[in-house]
Amino acid sequence: MRIRYAIPFALLLLGLGLAMFVMGVLIAKPMTMGLGALNGFVGVLMLVQPTFVVHPDKVDARNLIGMTMKSYPFALASLRVEGKRVLPPEGKKPTIGGFWARGSDMDALIAAIEDAKRARA
């Protein structure tokens, strides 16, 4: 299950990047064009890449390029739900969710956790 970035933040970054790029073209500043293109590229990556990938036996934290930065050995049934956030077992990292996560992905993850807990009991 993939937890993607929230669409409004990605679109905001993409829009600001495009605006910076156009402004750089209009004032003939290559540095502004480069920064605008970079911000737009990050916005596109936020639209298509996940921030976390949750497997039944582990949670992978991913970067914007798609590489797994760290794997956490948490079973799906051991994750805790607090509101719209998913927390690992006591005293561990990472927190999944918050305002960076896409709401529909979080709803699906919470439902999968509840199903895994029911199947475990």
PDB file of N, CA and C in Angstrom:
ATOM      1  N   MET A   1       0.842  -1.171   0.000  1.00  0.00           N
ATOM      2  CA  MET A   1       0.000   0.000   0.000  1.00  0.00           C
ATOM      3  C   MET A   1       0.889   1.236   0.000  1.00  0.00           C
ATOM      4  N   ARG A   2       0.603   2.141  -0.889  1.00  0.00           N
ATOM      5  CA  ARG A   2       1.415   3.345  -1.037  1.00  0.00           C
ATOM      6  C   ARG A   2       0.740   4.532  -0.359  1.00  0.00           C
ATOM      7  N   ILE A   3       1.523   5.291   0.404  1.00  0.00           N
ATOM      8  CA  ILE A   3       1.044   6.523   1.013  1.00  0.00           C
ATOM      9  C   ILE A   3       1.717   7.664   0.252  1.00  0.00           C
ATOM     10  N   ARG A   4       0.925   8.369  -0.542  1.00  0.00           N
ATOM     11  CA  ARG A   4       1.468   9.426  -1.390  1.00  0.00           C
ATOM     12  C   ARG A   4       1.358  10.790  -0.709  1.00  0.00           C
ATOM     13  N   TYR A   5       2.052  11.760  -1.282  1.00  0.00           N
ATOM     14  CA  TYR A   5       1.997  13.128  -0.780  1.00  0.00           C
ATOM     15  C   TYR A   5       0.642  13.752  -1.092  1.00  0.00           C
ATOM     16  N   ALA A   6       0.237  14.722  -0.279  1.00  0.00           N
ATOM     17  CA  ALA A   6      -1.031  15.418  -0.482  1.00  0.00           C
ATOM     18  C   ALA A   6      -0.993  16.210  -1.792  1.00  0.00           C
ATOM     19  N   ILE A   7      -2.077  16.153  -2.545  1.00  0.00           N
ATOM     20  CA  ILE A   7      -2.152  16.806  -3.849  1.00  0.00           C
ATOM     21  C   ILE A   7      -2.029  18.335  -3.757  1.00  0.00           C
ATOM     22  N   PRO A   8      -2.671  19.011  -2.788  1.00  0.00           N
ATOM     23  CA  PRO A   8      -2.549  20.475  -2.763  1.00  0.00           C
ATOM     24  C   PRO A   8      -1.111  20.970  -2.618  1.00  0.00           C
ATOM     25  N   PHE A   9      -0.301  20.302  -1.804  1.00  0.00           N
ATOM     26  CA  PHE A   9       1.087  20.736  -1.638  1.00  0.00           C
ATOM     27  C   PHE A   9       1.886  20.522  -2.918  1.00  0.00           C
ATOM     28  N   ALA A  10       1.654  19.408  -3.579  1.00  0.00           N
ATOM     29  CA  ALA A  10       2.360  19.132  -4.829  1.00  0.00           C
ATOM     30  C   ALA A  10       1.976  20.150  -5.901  1.00  0.00           C
ATOM     31  N   LEU A  11       0.683  20.443  -6.014  1.00  0.00           N
ATOM     32  CA  LEU A  11       0.240  21.419  -7.012  1.00  0.00           C
ATOM     33  C   LEU A  11       0.735  22.822  -6.685  1.00  0.00           C
ATOM     34  N   LEU A  12       0.785  23.167  -5.409  1.00  0.00           N
ATOM     35  CA  LEU A  12       1.304  24.470  -5.006  1.00  0.00           C
ATOM     36  C   LEU A  12       2.769  24.603  -5.400  1.00  0.00           C
ATOM     37  N   LEU A  13       3.563  23.583  -5.115  1.00  0.00           N
ATOM     38  CA  LEU A  13       4.974  23.620  -5.464  1.00  0.00           C
ATOM     39  C   LEU A  13       5.167  23.650  -6.982  1.00  0.00           C
ATOM     40  N   LEU A  14       4.366  22.883  -7.695  1.00  0.00           N
ATOM     41  CA  LEU A  14       4.433  22.873  -9.157  1.00  0.00           C
ATOM     42  C   LEU A  14       4.065  24.243  -9.725  1.00  0.00           C
ATOM     43  N   GLY A  15       2.993  24.829  -9.221  1.00  0.00           N
ATOM     44  CA  GLY A  15       2.565  26.145  -9.698  1.00  0.00           C
ATOM     45  C   GLY A  15       3.577  27.237  -9.386  1.00  0.00           C
ATOM     46  N   LEU A  16       4.121  27.226  -8.176  1.00  0.00           N
ATOM     47  CA  LEU A  16       5.129  28.223  -7.824  1.00  0.00           C
ATOM     48  C   LEU A  16       6.393  28.040  -8.661  1.00  0.00           C
ATOM     49  N   GLY A  17       6.756  26.793  -8.918  1.00  0.00           N
ATOM     50  CA  GLY A  17       7.917  26.532  -9.755  1.00  0.00           C
ATOM     51  C   GLY A  17       7.728  27.040 -11.169  1.00  0.00           C
ATOM     52  N   LEU A  18       6.542  26.801 -11.723  1.00  0.00           N
ATOM     53  CA  LEU A  18       6.264  27.306 -13.072  1.00  0.00           C
ATOM     54  C   LEU A  18       6.249  28.834 -13.100  1.00  0.00           C
ATOM     55  N   ALA A  19       5.684  29.453 -12.069  1.00  0.00           N
ATOM     56  CA  ALA A  19       5.664  30.912 -12.002  1.00  0.00           C
ATOM     57  C   ALA A  19       7.085  31.468 -11.907  1.00  0.00           C
ATOM     58  N   MET A  20       7.933  30.834 -11.100  1.00  0.00           N
ATOM     59  CA  MET A  20       9.326  31.279 -10.999  1.00  0.00           C
ATOM     60  C   MET A  20      10.048  31.127 -12.332  1.00  0.00           C
ATOM     61  N   PHE A  21       9.787  30.015 -13.024  1.00  0.00           N
ATOM     62  CA  PHE A  21      10.438  29.786 -14.308  1.00  0.00           C
ATOM     63  C   PHE A  21      10.042  30.858 -15.320  1.00  0.00           C
ATOM     64  N   VAL A  22       8.755  31.139 -15.394  1.00  0.00           N
ATOM     65  CA  VAL A  22       8.269  32.168 -16.329  1.00  0.00           C
ATOM     66  C   VAL A  22       8.836  33.533 -15.957  1.00  0.00           C
ATOM     67  N   MET A  23       8.876  33.835 -14.664  1.00  0.00           N
ATOM     68  CA  MET A  23       9.437  35.111 -14.227  1.00  0.00           C
ATOM     69  C   MET A  23      10.920  35.197 -14.589  1.00  0.00           C
ATOM     70  N   GLY A  24      11.626  34.084 -14.445  1.00  0.00           N
ATOM     71  CA  GLY A  24      13.035  34.063 -14.826  1.00  0.00           C
ATOM     72  C   GLY A  24      13.232  34.288 -16.311  1.00  0.00           C
ATOM     73  N   VAL A  25      12.341  33.734 -17.121  1.00  0.00           N
ATOM     74  CA  VAL A  25      12.421  33.962 -18.575  1.00  0.00           C
ATOM     75  C   VAL A  25      12.158  35.435 -18.890  1.00  0.00           C
ATOM     76  N   LEU A  26      11.149  36.020 -18.242  1.00  0.00           N
ATOM     77  CA  LEU A  26      10.787  37.410 -18.530  1.00  0.00           C
ATOM     78  C   LEU A  26      11.873  38.402 -18.123  1.00  0.00           C
ATOM     79  N   ILE A  27      12.571  38.116 -17.022  1.00  0.00           N
ATOM     80  CA  ILE A  27      13.614  39.049 -16.583  1.00  0.00           C
ATOM     81  C   ILE A  27      15.010  38.573 -16.972  1.00  0.00           C
ATOM     82  N   ALA A  28      15.071  37.487 -17.733  1.00  0.00           N
ATOM     83  CA  ALA A  28      16.337  36.947 -18.256  1.00  0.00           C
ATOM     84  C   ALA A  28      17.333  36.624 -17.150  1.00  0.00           C
ATOM     85  N   LYS A  29      16.878  35.905 -16.126  1.00  0.00           N
ATOM     86  CA  LYS A  29      17.745  35.472 -15.029  1.00  0.00           C
ATOM     87  C   LYS A  29      17.814  33.944 -15.028  1.00  0.00           C
ATOM     88  N   PRO A  30      18.919  33.367 -15.465  1.00  0.00           N
ATOM     89  CA  PRO A  30      19.031  31.908 -15.524  1.00  0.00           C
ATOM     90  C   PRO A  30      18.894  31.222 -14.162  1.00  0.00           C
ATOM     91  N   MET A  31      19.358  31.873 -13.105  1.00  0.00           N
ATOM     92  CA  MET A  31      19.265  31.267 -11.773  1.00  0.00           C
ATOM     93  C   MET A  31      17.797  31.114 -11.358  1.00  0.00           C
ATOM     94  N   THR A  32      16.985  32.111 -11.620  1.00  0.00           N
ATOM     95  CA  THR A  32      15.562  32.038 -11.294  1.00  0.00           C
ATOM     96  C   THR A  32      14.870  30.981 -12.148  1.00  0.00           C
ATOM     97  N   MET A  33      15.260  30.888 -13.414  1.00  0.00           N
ATOM     98  CA  MET A  33      14.685  29.840 -14.273  1.00  0.00           C
ATOM     99  C   MET A  33      15.050  28.457 -13.741  1.00  0.00           C
ATOM    100  N   GLY A  34      16.298  28.273 -13.333  1.00  0.00           N
ATOM    101  CA  GLY A  34      16.745  26.986 -12.808  1.00  0.00           C
ATOM    102  C   GLY A  34      16.034  26.613 -11.522  1.00  0.00           C
ATOM    103  N   LEU A  35      15.892  27.576 -10.609  1.00  0.00           N
ATOM    104  CA  LEU A  35      15.182  27.297  -9.356  1.00  0.00           C
ATOM    105  C   LEU A  35      13.706  26.994  -9.602  1.00  0.00           C
ATOM    106  N   GLY A  36      13.111  27.713 -10.539  1.00  0.00           N
ATOM    107  CA  GLY A  36      11.714  27.450 -10.883  1.00  0.00           C
ATOM    108  C   GLY A  36      11.537  26.065 -11.475  1.00  0.00           C
ATOM    109  N   ALA A  37      12.451  25.686 -12.373  1.00  0.00           N
ATOM    110  CA  ALA A  37      12.378  24.348 -12.967  1.00  0.00           C
ATOM    111  C   ALA A  37      12.567  23.274 -11.903  1.00  0.00           C
ATOM    112  N   LEU A  38      13.491  23.507 -10.974  1.00  0.00           N
ATOM    113  CA  LEU A  38      13.725  22.537  -9.898  1.00  0.00           C
ATOM    114  C   LEU A  38      12.493  22.399  -9.007  1.00  0.00           C
ATOM    115  N   ASN A  39      11.885  23.514  -8.634  1.00  0.00           N
ATOM    116  CA  ASN A  39      10.670  23.455  -7.815  1.00  0.00           C
ATOM    117  C   ASN A  39       9.534  22.760  -8.550  1.00  0.00           C
ATOM    118  N   GLY A  40       9.383  23.038  -9.834  1.00  0.00           N
ATOM    119  CA  GLY A  40       8.360  22.354 -10.627  1.00  0.00           C
ATOM    120  C   GLY A  40       8.605  20.862 -10.702  1.00  0.00           C
ATOM    121  N   PHE A  41       9.865  20.478 -10.864  1.00  0.00           N
ATOM    122  CA  PHE A  41      10.225  19.056 -10.915  1.00  0.00           C
ATOM    123  C   PHE A  41       9.902  18.353  -9.588  1.00  0.00           C
ATOM    124  N   VAL A  42      10.205  19.008  -8.473  1.00  0.00           N
ATOM    125  CA  VAL A  42       9.873  18.432  -7.167  1.00  0.00           C
ATOM    126  C   VAL A  42       8.361  18.311  -7.004  1.00  0.00           C
ATOM    127  N   GLY A  43       7.604  19.290  -7.498  1.00  0.00           N
ATOM    128  CA  GLY A  43       6.144  19.214  -7.449  1.00  0.00           C
ATOM    129  C   GLY A  43       5.609  18.030  -8.237  1.00  0.00           C
ATOM    130  N   VAL A  44       6.175  17.771  -9.411  1.00  0.00           N
ATOM    131  CA  VAL A  44       5.756  16.615 -10.211  1.00  0.00           C
ATOM    132  C   VAL A  44       6.097  15.321  -9.480  1.00  0.00           C
ATOM    133  N   LEU A  45       7.296  15.254  -8.891  1.00  0.00           N
ATOM    134  CA  LEU A  45       7.671  14.048  -8.152  1.00  0.00           C
ATOM    135  C   LEU A  45       6.750  13.813  -6.956  1.00  0.00           C
ATOM    136  N   MET A  46       6.323  14.890  -6.303  1.00  0.00           N
ATOM    137  CA  MET A  46       5.393  14.731  -5.181  1.00  0.00           C
ATOM    138  C   MET A  46       4.037  14.203  -5.646  1.00  0.00           C
ATOM    139  N   LEU A  47       3.667  14.462  -6.881  1.00  0.00           N
ATOM    140  CA  LEU A  47       2.405  13.941  -7.403  1.00  0.00           C
ATOM    141  C   LEU A  47       2.477  12.450  -7.698  1.00  0.00           C
ATOM    142  N   VAL A  48       3.644  11.933  -8.061  1.00  0.00           N
ATOM    143  CA  VAL A  48       3.727  10.550  -8.532  1.00  0.00           C
ATOM    144  C   VAL A  48       4.444   9.588  -7.592  1.00  0.00           C
ATOM    145  N   GLN A  49       5.289  10.077  -6.695  1.00  0.00           N
ATOM    146  CA  GLN A  49       6.060   9.183  -5.826  1.00  0.00           C
ATOM    147  C   GLN A  49       5.419   9.064  -4.442  1.00  0.00           C
ATOM    148  N   PRO A  50       5.494   7.878  -3.830  1.00  0.00           N
ATOM    149  CA  PRO A  50       4.977   7.731  -2.467  1.00  0.00           C
ATOM    150  C   PRO A  50       5.998   8.187  -1.436  1.00  0.00           C
ATOM    151  N   THR A  51       5.507   8.558  -0.271  1.00  0.00           N
ATOM    152  CA  THR A  51       6.397   8.877   0.837  1.00  0.00           C
ATOM    153  C   THR A  51       6.664   7.638   1.694  1.00  0.00           C
ATOM    154  N   PHE A  52       5.666   6.756   1.800  1.00  0.00           N
ATOM    155  CA  PHE A  52       5.809   5.480   2.504  1.00  0.00           C
ATOM    156  C   PHE A  52       5.162   4.381   1.674  1.00  0.00           C
ATOM    157  N   VAL A  53       5.734   3.186   1.769  1.00  0.00           N
ATOM    158  CA  VAL A  53       5.118   1.997   1.194  1.00  0.00           C
ATOM    159  C   VAL A  53       4.968   1.012   2.351  1.00  0.00           C
ATOM    160  N   VAL A  54       3.723   0.625   2.617  1.00  0.00           N
ATOM    161  CA  VAL A  54       3.426  -0.250   3.753  1.00  0.00           C
ATOM    162  C   VAL A  54       3.182  -1.658   3.226  1.00  0.00           C
ATOM    163  N   HIS A  55       3.988  -2.592   3.703  1.00  0.00           N
ATOM    164  CA  HIS A  55       3.855  -4.009   3.386  1.00  0.00           C
ATOM    165  C   HIS A  55       3.270  -4.706   4.618  1.00  0.00           C
ATOM    166  N   PRO A  56       2.800  -5.948   4.503  1.00  0.00           N
ATOM    167  CA  PRO A  56       2.259  -6.627   5.680  1.00  0.00           C
ATOM    168  C   PRO A  56       3.268  -6.808   6.816  1.00  0.00           C
ATOM    169  N   ASP A  57       4.560  -6.858   6.492  1.00  0.00           N
ATOM    170  CA  ASP A  57       5.560  -7.115   7.526  1.00  0.00           C
ATOM    171  C   ASP A  57       6.575  -5.996   7.707  1.00  0.00           C
ATOM    172  N   LYS A  58       6.498  -4.925   6.930  1.00  0.00           N
ATOM    173  CA  LYS A  58       7.453  -3.819   7.072  1.00  0.00           C
ATOM    174  C   LYS A  58       6.880  -2.537   6.481  1.00  0.00           C
ATOM    175  N   VAL A  59       7.520  -1.419   6.834  1.00  0.00           N
ATOM    176  CA  VAL A  59       7.172  -0.100   6.315  1.00  0.00           C
ATOM    177  C   VAL A  59       8.433   0.486   5.699  1.00  0.00           C
ATOM    178  N   ASP A  60       8.357   0.878   4.427  1.00  0.00           N
ATOM    179  CA  ASP A  60       9.494   1.484   3.733  1.00  0.00           C
ATOM    180  C   ASP A  60       9.293   2.984   3.638  1.00  0.00           C
ATOM    181  N   ALA A  61      10.306   3.752   4.051  1.00  0.00           N
ATOM    182  CA  ALA A  61      10.312   5.199   3.868  1.00  0.00           C
ATOM    183  C   ALA A  61      11.047   5.477   2.562  1.00  0.00           C
ATOM    184  N   ARG A  62      10.408   6.239   1.668  1.00  0.00           N
ATOM    185  CA  ARG A  62      10.983   6.494   0.348  1.00  0.00           C
ATOM    186  C   ARG A  62      11.312   7.970   0.183  1.00  0.00           C
ATOM    187  N   ASN A  63      12.278   8.257  -0.680  1.00  0.00           N
ATOM    188  CA  ASN A  63      12.557   9.649  -1.023  1.00  0.00           C
ATOM    189  C   ASN A  63      11.797  10.008  -2.297  1.00  0.00           C
ATOM    190  N   LEU A  64      11.951  11.230  -2.762  1.00  0.00           N
ATOM    191  CA  LEU A  64      11.189  11.674  -3.926  1.00  0.00           C
ATOM    192  C   LEU A  64      11.617  10.999  -5.223  1.00  0.00           C
ATOM    193  N   ILE A  65      12.829  10.469  -5.260  1.00  0.00           N
ATOM    194  CA  ILE A  65      13.289   9.780  -6.462  1.00  0.00           C
ATOM    195  C   ILE A  65      12.715   8.365  -6.520  1.00  0.00           C
ATOM    196  N   GLY A  66      12.260   7.848  -5.395  1.00  0.00           N
ATOM    197  CA  GLY A  66      11.661   6.521  -5.350  1.00  0.00           C
ATOM    198  C   GLY A  66      12.512   5.477  -4.659  1.00  0.00           C
ATOM    199  N   MET A  67      13.695   5.877  -4.199  1.00  0.00           N
ATOM    200  CA  MET A  67      14.584   4.925  -3.518  1.00  0.00           C
ATOM    201  C   MET A  67      14.109   4.707  -2.086  1.00  0.00           C
ATOM    202  N   THR A  68      14.234   3.467  -1.609  1.00  0.00           N
ATOM    203  CA  THR A  68      13.909   3.171  -0.218  1.00  0.00           C
ATOM    204  C   THR A  68      15.036   3.688   0.657  1.00  0.00           C
ATOM    205  N   MET A  69      14.714   4.627   1.533  1.00  0.00           N
ATOM    206  CA  MET A  69      15.725   5.200   2.411  1.00  0.00           C
ATOM    207  C   MET A  69      15.916   4.356   3.662  1.00  0.00           C
ATOM    208  N   LYS A  70      14.813   3.809   4.179  1.00  0.00           N
ATOM    209  CA  LYS A  70      14.896   2.983   5.376  1.00  0.00           C
ATOM    210  C   LYS A  70      13.695   2.060   5.424  1.00  0.00           C
ATOM    211  N   SER A  71      13.920   0.840   5.902  1.00  0.00           N
ATOM    212  CA  SER A  71      12.834  -0.118   6.111  1.00  0.00           C
ATOM    213  C   SER A  71      12.670  -0.344   7.609  1.00  0.00           C
ATOM    214  N   TYR A  72      11.436  -0.316   8.055  1.00  0.00           N
ATOM    215  CA  TYR A  72      11.118  -0.530   9.466  1.00  0.00           C
ATOM    216  C   TYR A  72      10.376  -1.856   9.587  1.00  0.00           C
ATOM    217  N   PRO A  73      10.800  -2.744  10.471  1.00  0.00           N
ATOM    218  CA  PRO A  73      10.172  -4.070  10.582  1.00  0.00           C
ATOM    219  C   PRO A  73       8.912  -4.063  11.447  1.00  0.00           C
ATOM    220  N   PHE A  74       7.875  -3.374  11.014  1.00  0.00           N
ATOM    221  CA  PHE A  74       6.617  -3.313  11.755  1.00  0.00           C
ATOM    222  C   PHE A  74       5.564  -4.124  11.021  1.00  0.00           C
ATOM    223  N   ALA A  75       4.919  -5.030  11.729  1.00  0.00           N
ATOM    224  CA  ALA A  75       3.794  -5.757  11.147  1.00  0.00           C
ATOM    225  C   ALA A  75       2.609  -4.798  11.043  1.00  0.00           C
ATOM    226  N   LEU A  76       1.778  -5.017  10.068  1.00  0.00           N
ATOM    227  CA  LEU A  76       0.632  -4.139   9.835  1.00  0.00           C
ATOM    228  C   LEU A  76      -0.282  -4.084  11.060  1.00  0.00           C
ATOM    229  N   ALA A  77      -0.477  -5.221  11.712  1.00  0.00           N
ATOM    230  CA  ALA A  77      -1.374  -5.270  12.875  1.00  0.00           C
ATOM    231  C   ALA A  77      -0.771  -4.585  14.105  1.00  0.00           C
ATOM    232  N   SER A  78       0.534  -4.343  14.125  1.00  0.00           N
ATOM    233  CA  SER A  78       1.157  -3.710  15.287  1.00  0.00           C
ATOM    234  C   SER A  78       1.104  -2.186  15.230  1.00  0.00           C
ATOM    235  N   LEU A  79       0.700  -1.621  14.093  1.00  0.00           N
ATOM    236  CA  LEU A  79       0.619  -0.164  13.962  1.00  0.00           C
ATOM    237  C   LEU A  79      -0.599   0.367  14.710  1.00  0.00           C
ATOM    238  N   ARG A  80      -0.457   1.553  15.299  1.00  0.00           N
ATOM    239  CA  ARG A  80      -1.537   2.191  16.051  1.00  0.00           C
ATOM    240  C   ARG A  80      -2.120   3.341  15.240  1.00  0.00           C
ATOM    241  N   VAL A  81      -3.409   3.581  15.416  1.00  0.00           N
ATOM    242  CA  VAL A  81      -4.095   4.666  14.714  1.00  0.00           C
ATOM    243  C   VAL A  81      -4.549   5.704  15.731  1.00  0.00           C
ATOM    244  N   GLU A  82      -4.171   6.966  15.476  1.00  0.00           N
ATOM    245  CA  GLU A  82      -4.634   8.096  16.298  1.00  0.00           C
ATOM    246  C   GLU A  82      -5.160   9.167  15.347  1.00  0.00           C
ATOM    247  N   GLY A  83      -6.451   9.244  15.215  1.00  0.00           N
ATOM    248  CA  GLY A  83      -7.049  10.189  14.280  1.00  0.00           C
ATOM    249  C   GLY A  83      -6.735   9.781  12.857  1.00  0.00           C
ATOM    250  N   LYS A  84      -6.063  10.657  12.127  1.00  0.00           N
ATOM    251  CA  LYS A  84      -5.669  10.367  10.746  1.00  0.00           C
ATOM    252  C   LYS A  84      -4.188  10.014  10.650  1.00  0.00           C
ATOM    253  N   ARG A  85      -3.540   9.814  11.784  1.00  0.00           N
ATOM    254  CA  ARG A  85      -2.121   9.454  11.777  1.00  0.00           C
ATOM    255  C   ARG A  85      -1.960   7.996  12.180  1.00  0.00           C
ATOM    256  N   VAL A  86      -0.945   7.371  11.627  1.00  0.00           N
ATOM    257  CA  VAL A  86      -0.620   5.985  11.964  1.00  0.00           C
ATOM    258  C   VAL A  86       0.728   5.999  12.654  1.00  0.00           C
ATOM    259  N   LEU A  87       0.762   5.428  13.847  1.00  0.00           N
ATOM    260  CA  LEU A  87       1.972   5.420  14.657  1.00  0.00           C
ATOM    261  C   LEU A  87       2.503   3.999  14.784  1.00  0.00           C
ATOM    262  N   PRO A  88       3.812   3.847  14.851  1.00  0.00           N
ATOM    263  CA  PRO A  88       4.403   2.529  15.051  1.00  0.00           C
ATOM    264  C   PRO A  88       4.230   2.077  16.490  1.00  0.00           C
ATOM    265  N   PRO A  89       4.697   0.863  16.816  1.00  0.00           N
ATOM    266  CA  PRO A  89       4.637   0.426  18.207  1.00  0.00           C
ATOM    267  C   PRO A  89       5.340   1.428  19.126  1.00  0.00           C
ATOM    268  N   GLU A  90       5.032   1.386  20.395  1.00  0.00           N
ATOM    269  CA  GLU A  90       5.494   2.361  21.385  1.00  0.00           C
ATOM    270  C   GLU A  90       6.954   2.775  21.227  1.00  0.00           C
ATOM    271  N   GLY A  91       7.167   4.100  21.230  1.00  0.00           N
ATOM    272  CA  GLY A  91       8.499   4.670  21.286  1.00  0.00           C
ATOM    273  C   GLY A  91       9.352   4.535  20.039  1.00  0.00           C
ATOM    274  N   LYS A  92       8.757   4.242  18.915  1.00  0.00           N
ATOM    275  CA  LYS A  92       9.545   4.072  17.698  1.00  0.00           C
ATOM    276  C   LYS A  92       9.121   5.081  16.646  1.00  0.00           C
ATOM    277  N   LYS A  93       9.921   5.210  15.585  1.00  0.00           N
ATOM    278  CA  LYS A  93       9.622   6.107  14.477  1.00  0.00           C
ATOM    279  C   LYS A  93       9.344   5.253  13.259  1.00  0.00           C
ATOM    280  N   PRO A  94       8.751   5.717  12.240  1.00  0.00           N
ATOM    281  CA  PRO A  94       8.260   7.044  11.879  1.00  0.00           C
ATOM    282  C   PRO A  94       6.755   7.154  12.081  1.00  0.00           C
ATOM    283  N   THR A  95       6.249   8.371  12.082  1.00  0.00           N
ATOM    284  CA  THR A  95       4.815   8.623  12.079  1.00  0.00           C
ATOM    285  C   THR A  95       4.362   8.724  10.626  1.00  0.00           C
ATOM    286  N   ILE A  96       3.334   7.988  10.288  1.00  0.00           N
ATOM    287  CA  ILE A  96       2.806   7.999   8.924  1.00  0.00           C
ATOM    288  C   ILE A  96       1.539   8.837   8.920  1.00  0.00           C
ATOM    289  N   GLY A  97       1.478   9.788   8.025  1.00  0.00           N
ATOM    290  CA  GLY A  97       0.272  10.590   7.918  1.00  0.00           C
ATOM    291  C   GLY A  97       0.539  12.045   8.213  1.00  0.00           C
ATOM    292  N   GLY A  98      -0.459  12.718   8.763  1.00  0.00           N
ATOM    293  CA  GLY A  98      -0.354  14.141   8.986  1.00  0.00           C
ATOM    294  C   GLY A  98      -0.792  14.897   7.747  1.00  0.00           C
ATOM    295  N   PHE A  99      -0.441  16.172   7.673  1.00  0.00           N
ATOM    296  CA  PHE A  99      -0.920  16.986   6.565  1.00  0.00           C
ATOM    297  C   PHE A  99      -0.192  16.712   5.261  1.00  0.00           C
ATOM    298  N   TRP A 100       0.945  16.019   5.284  1.00  0.00           N
ATOM    299  CA  TRP A 100       1.670  15.702   4.054  1.00  0.00           C
ATOM    300  C   TRP A 100       1.074  14.514   3.310  1.00  0.00           C
ATOM    301  N   ALA A 101       0.300  13.681   3.982  1.00  0.00           N
ATOM    302  CA  ALA A 101      -0.188  12.441   3.374  1.00  0.00           C
ATOM    303  C   ALA A 101      -1.539  12.655   2.689  1.00  0.00           C
ATOM    304  N   ARG A 102      -1.761  11.942   1.613  1.00  0.00           N
ATOM    305  CA  ARG A 102      -3.016  12.000   0.868  1.00  0.00           C
ATOM    306  C   ARG A 102      -4.106  11.320   1.688  1.00  0.00           C
ATOM    307  N   GLY A 103      -5.236  11.984   1.848  1.00  0.00           N
ATOM    308  CA  GLY A 103      -6.310  11.495   2.704  1.00  0.00           C
ATOM    309  C   GLY A 103      -6.865  10.143   2.303  1.00  0.00           C
ATOM    310  N   SER A 104      -7.060   9.907   1.006  1.00  0.00           N
ATOM    311  CA  SER A 104      -7.620   8.628   0.556  1.00  0.00           C
ATOM    312  C   SER A 104      -6.663   7.477   0.844  1.00  0.00           C
ATOM    313  N   ASP A 105      -5.370   7.728   0.728  1.00  0.00           N
ATOM    314  CA  ASP A 105      -4.381   6.686   1.047  1.00  0.00           C
ATOM    315  C   ASP A 105      -4.394   6.367   2.538  1.00  0.00           C
ATOM    316  N   MET A 106      -4.535   7.401   3.357  1.00  0.00           N
ATOM    317  CA  MET A 106      -4.569   7.173   4.807  1.00  0.00           C
ATOM    318  C   MET A 106      -5.832   6.415   5.214  1.00  0.00           C
ATOM    319  N   ASP A 107      -6.968   6.737   4.600  1.00  0.00           N
ATOM    320  CA  ASP A 107      -8.203   6.009   4.898  1.00  0.00           C
ATOM    321  C   ASP A 107      -8.064   4.527   4.551  1.00  0.00           C
ATOM    322  N   ALA A 108      -7.446   4.234   3.408  1.00  0.00           N
ATOM    323  CA  ALA A 108      -7.245   2.840   3.007  1.00  0.00           C
ATOM    324  C   ALA A 108      -6.282   2.130   3.953  1.00  0.00           C
ATOM    325  N   LEU A 109      -5.230   2.823   4.396  1.00  0.00           N
ATOM    326  CA  LEU A 109      -4.278   2.214   5.336  1.00  0.00           C
ATOM    327  C   LEU A 109      -4.937   1.936   6.679  1.00  0.00           C
ATOM    328  N   ILE A 110      -5.726   2.875   7.168  1.00  0.00           N
ATOM    329  CA  ILE A 110      -6.406   2.678   8.452  1.00  0.00           C
ATOM    330  C   ILE A 110      -7.367   1.498   8.368  1.00  0.00           C
ATOM    331  N   ALA A 111      -8.084   1.373   7.261  1.00  0.00           N
ATOM    332  CA  ALA A 111      -8.983   0.230   7.081  1.00  0.00           C
ATOM    333  C   ALA A 111      -8.199  -1.078   7.028  1.00  0.00           C
ATOM    334  N   ALA A 112      -7.047  -1.089   6.367  1.00  0.00           N
ATOM    335  CA  ALA A 112      -6.223  -2.301   6.297  1.00  0.00           C
ATOM    336  C   ALA A 112      -5.673  -2.681   7.667  1.00  0.00           C
ATOM    337  N   ILE A 113      -5.306  -1.690   8.475  1.00  0.00           N
ATOM    338  CA  ILE A 113      -4.811  -1.969   9.824  1.00  0.00           C
ATOM    339  C   ILE A 113      -5.922  -2.563  10.675  1.00  0.00           C
ATOM    340  N   GLU A 114      -7.115  -1.997  10.588  1.00  0.00           N
ATOM    341  CA  GLU A 114      -8.240  -2.529  11.365  1.00  0.00           C
ATOM    342  C   GLU A 114      -8.578  -3.950  10.930  1.00  0.00           C
ATOM    343  N   ASP A 115      -8.533  -4.232   9.622  1.00  0.00           N
ATOM    344  CA  ASP A 115      -8.769  -5.601   9.138  1.00  0.00           C
ATOM    345  C   ASP A 115      -7.697  -6.560   9.647  1.00  0.00           C
ATOM    346  N   ALA A 116      -6.440  -6.111   9.659  1.00  0.00           N
ATOM    347  CA  ALA A 116      -5.342  -6.977  10.134  1.00  0.00           C
ATOM    348  C   ALA A 116      -5.487  -7.253  11.622  1.00  0.00           C
ATOM    349  N   LYS A 117      -5.938  -6.269  12.383  1.00  0.00           N
ATOM    350  CA  LYS A 117      -6.135  -6.476  13.831  1.00  0.00           C
ATOM    351  C   LYS A 117      -7.298  -7.427  14.082  1.00  0.00           C
ATOM    352  N   ARG A 118      -8.376  -7.320  13.287  1.00  0.00           N
ATOM    353  CA  ARG A 118      -9.510  -8.232  13.446  1.00  0.00           C
ATOM    354  C   ARG A 118      -9.110  -9.655  13.087  1.00  0.00           C
ATOM    355  N   ALA A 119      -8.318  -9.822  12.039  1.00  0.00           N
ATOM    356  CA  ALA A 119      -7.876 -11.153  11.623  1.00  0.00           C
ATOM    357  C   ALA A 119      -6.922 -11.762  12.638  1.00  0.00           C
ATOM    358  N   ARG A 120      -6.172 -10.917  13.318  1.00  0.00           N
ATOM    359  CA  ARG A 120      -5.197 -11.377  14.323  1.00  0.00           C
ATOM    360  C   ARG A 120      -5.902 -11.848  15.607  1.00  0.00           C
ATOM    361  N   ALA A 121      -7.023 -11.187  15.926  1.00  0.00           N
ATOM    362  CA  ALA A 121      -7.721 -11.481  17.200  1.00  0.00           C
ATOM    363  C   ALA A 121      -8.537 -12.747  17.148  1.00  0.00           C
TER     364      ALA A 121
END
